[in-house]
Amino acid sequence: MDAHTHFSHLARYNVWATKRLLRAVEALPETDYRRDVGLFFKSIHGTLNHLLVGEHLIWFARFAKGVSPKVPLDTEAEPDRARLAQALK
């Protein structure tokens, strides 16, 4: 498998997995979504923000711009639940 095919496959998987994750999270009440459940990034909201920071603010900048921004992994990049889900899509 050539590199383009391989990375295209990984990108499609990422889209599929993100959509599936967000569908599961959609059903949660706001209190459960934001409650500290002992995860590394505290809540489900914190974990989803971590995904946004890692994928969009750090890795995208590395791949697309050739820079490695110093962004703390626990940054709340998007406080709004709906906008966070949209940004992850």
C-alpha atoms as a PDB file:
ATOM      1  CA  MET A   1       0.000   0.000   0.000  1.00  0.00           C
ATOM      2  CA  ASP A   2       1.455   3.366  -0.996  1.00  0.00           C
ATOM      3  CA  ALA A   3       1.683   6.235   1.509  1.00  0.00           C
ATOM      4  CA  HIS A   4      -1.183   8.239  -0.016  1.00  0.00           C
ATOM      5  CA  THR A   5      -3.577   5.298   0.186  1.00  0.00           C
ATOM      6  CA  HIS A   6      -2.442   4.471   3.708  1.00  0.00           C
ATOM      7  CA  PHE A   7      -2.890   7.999   5.065  1.00  0.00           C
ATOM      8  CA  SER A   8      -6.197   8.446   3.232  1.00  0.00           C
ATOM      9  CA  HIS A   9      -7.403   5.277   4.923  1.00  0.00           C
ATOM     10  CA  LEU A  10      -6.298   6.605   8.328  1.00  0.00           C
ATOM     11  CA  ALA A  11      -8.019   9.948   7.691  1.00  0.00           C
ATOM     12  CA  ARG A  12     -11.297   8.224   6.777  1.00  0.00           C
ATOM     13  CA  TYR A  13     -11.046   6.119   9.923  1.00  0.00           C
ATOM     14  CA  ASN A  14     -10.499   9.258  12.007  1.00  0.00           C
ATOM     15  CA  VAL A  15     -13.641  10.859  10.537  1.00  0.00           C
ATOM     16  CA  TRP A  16     -15.669   7.682  11.151  1.00  0.00           C
ATOM     17  CA  ALA A  17     -14.423   7.310  14.749  1.00  0.00           C
ATOM     18  CA  THR A  18     -14.974  10.986  15.581  1.00  0.00           C
ATOM     19  CA  LYS A  19     -18.549  10.918  14.273  1.00  0.00           C
ATOM     20  CA  ARG A  20     -19.268   7.748  16.240  1.00  0.00           C
ATOM     21  CA  LEU A  21     -17.800   9.250  19.422  1.00  0.00           C
ATOM     22  CA  LEU A  22     -19.771  12.468  19.043  1.00  0.00           C
ATOM     23  CA  ARG A  23     -23.040  10.562  18.461  1.00  0.00           C
ATOM     24  CA  ALA A  24     -22.490   8.684  21.721  1.00  0.00           C
ATOM     25  CA  VAL A  25     -21.672  11.878  23.630  1.00  0.00           C
ATOM     26  CA  GLU A  26     -24.703  13.728  22.198  1.00  0.00           C
ATOM     27  CA  ALA A  27     -27.035  11.694  24.391  1.00  0.00           C
ATOM     28  CA  LEU A  28     -25.374  12.780  27.647  1.00  0.00           C
ATOM     29  CA  PRO A  29     -26.976  15.434  29.824  1.00  0.00           C
ATOM     30  CA  GLU A  30     -24.859  18.564  30.294  1.00  0.00           C
ATOM     31  CA  THR A  31     -24.066  17.707  33.933  1.00  0.00           C
ATOM     32  CA  ASP A  32     -22.651  14.296  32.993  1.00  0.00           C
ATOM     33  CA  TYR A  33     -20.816  15.748  30.005  1.00  0.00           C
ATOM     34  CA  ARG A  34     -18.959  18.291  32.177  1.00  0.00           C
ATOM     35  CA  ARG A  35     -18.637  16.275  35.410  1.00  0.00           C
ATOM     36  CA  ASP A  36     -15.152  15.343  36.622  1.00  0.00           C
ATOM     37  CA  VAL A  37     -15.124  11.576  36.172  1.00  0.00           C
ATOM     38  CA  GLY A  38     -11.470  11.037  36.995  1.00  0.00           C
ATOM     39  CA  LEU A  39     -10.187  11.136  33.430  1.00  0.00           C
ATOM     40  CA  PHE A  40      -6.797  12.696  32.726  1.00  0.00           C
ATOM     41  CA  PHE A  41      -8.547  15.763  31.318  1.00  0.00           C
ATOM     42  CA  LYS A  42     -11.241  15.533  34.027  1.00  0.00           C
ATOM     43  CA  SER A  43     -14.496  15.468  32.049  1.00  0.00           C
ATOM     44  CA  ILE A  44     -15.690  14.260  28.683  1.00  0.00           C
ATOM     45  CA  HIS A  45     -15.698  17.910  27.626  1.00  0.00           C
ATOM     46  CA  GLY A  46     -12.063  18.238  28.708  1.00  0.00           C
ATOM     47  CA  THR A  47     -11.112  15.104  26.802  1.00  0.00           C
ATOM     48  CA  LEU A  48     -12.840  16.307  23.630  1.00  0.00           C
ATOM     49  CA  ASN A  49     -11.067  19.660  23.970  1.00  0.00           C
ATOM     50  CA  HIS A  50      -7.802  17.744  24.273  1.00  0.00           C
ATOM     51  CA  LEU A  51      -8.581  16.024  20.957  1.00  0.00           C
ATOM     52  CA  LEU A  52      -9.257  19.400  19.334  1.00  0.00           C
ATOM     53  CA  VAL A  53      -6.024  20.888  20.678  1.00  0.00           C
ATOM     54  CA  GLY A  54      -3.941  17.900  19.637  1.00  0.00           C
ATOM     55  CA  GLU A  55      -5.413  17.398  16.178  1.00  0.00           C
ATOM     56  CA  HIS A  56      -6.146  20.944  15.076  1.00  0.00           C
ATOM     57  CA  LEU A  57      -3.882  23.292  17.016  1.00  0.00           C
ATOM     58  CA  ILE A  58      -0.758  21.139  17.246  1.00  0.00           C
ATOM     59  CA  TRP A  59      -0.623  18.374  14.609  1.00  0.00           C
ATOM     60  CA  PHE A  60      -2.301  20.325  11.822  1.00  0.00           C
ATOM     61  CA  ALA A  61       0.163  23.175  12.376  1.00  0.00           C
ATOM     62  CA  ARG A  62       3.045  20.708  12.243  1.00  0.00           C
ATOM     63  CA  PHE A  63       1.878  19.070   9.017  1.00  0.00           C
ATOM     64  CA  ALA A  64       0.488  22.089   7.181  1.00  0.00           C
ATOM     65  CA  LYS A  65       2.789  24.876   8.373  1.00  0.00           C
ATOM     66  CA  GLY A  66       5.909  23.094   9.590  1.00  0.00           C
ATOM     67  CA  VAL A  67       5.707  24.663  13.058  1.00  0.00           C
ATOM     68  CA  SER A  68       5.290  23.111  16.493  1.00  0.00           C
ATOM     69  CA  PRO A  69       3.174  25.479  18.589  1.00  0.00           C
ATOM     70  CA  LYS A  70       3.544  25.361  22.356  1.00  0.00           C
ATOM     71  CA  VAL A  71      -0.074  24.808  23.345  1.00  0.00           C
ATOM     72  CA  PRO A  72      -0.829  23.178  26.711  1.00  0.00           C
ATOM     73  CA  LEU A  73      -2.701  19.927  26.116  1.00  0.00           C
ATOM     74  CA  ASP A  74      -5.318  20.851  28.732  1.00  0.00           C
ATOM     75  CA  THR A  75      -6.234  24.114  26.965  1.00  0.00           C
ATOM     76  CA  GLU A  76      -9.962  24.691  26.622  1.00  0.00           C
ATOM     77  CA  ALA A  77      -9.917  25.636  22.949  1.00  0.00           C
ATOM     78  CA  GLU A  78     -13.704  25.654  22.664  1.00  0.00           C
ATOM     79  CA  PRO A  79     -15.929  26.070  25.739  1.00  0.00           C
ATOM     80  CA  ASP A  80     -19.209  25.643  23.835  1.00  0.00           C
ATOM     81  CA  ARG A  81     -20.278  22.002  23.502  1.00  0.00           C
ATOM     82  CA  ALA A  82     -21.959  22.314  20.084  1.00  0.00           C
ATOM     83  CA  ARG A  83     -19.132  24.367  18.566  1.00  0.00           C
ATOM     84  CA  LEU A  84     -16.580  21.898  19.957  1.00  0.00           C
ATOM     85  CA  ALA A  85     -18.381  19.002  18.279  1.00  0.00           C
ATOM     86  CA  GLN A  86     -18.555  20.936  15.020  1.00  0.00           C
ATOM     87  CA  ALA A  87     -14.841  21.793  15.185  1.00  0.00           C
ATOM     88  CA  LEU A  88     -13.949  18.138  15.724  1.00  0.00           C
ATOM     89  CA  LYS A  89     -15.955  17.126  12.637  1.00  0.00           C
END
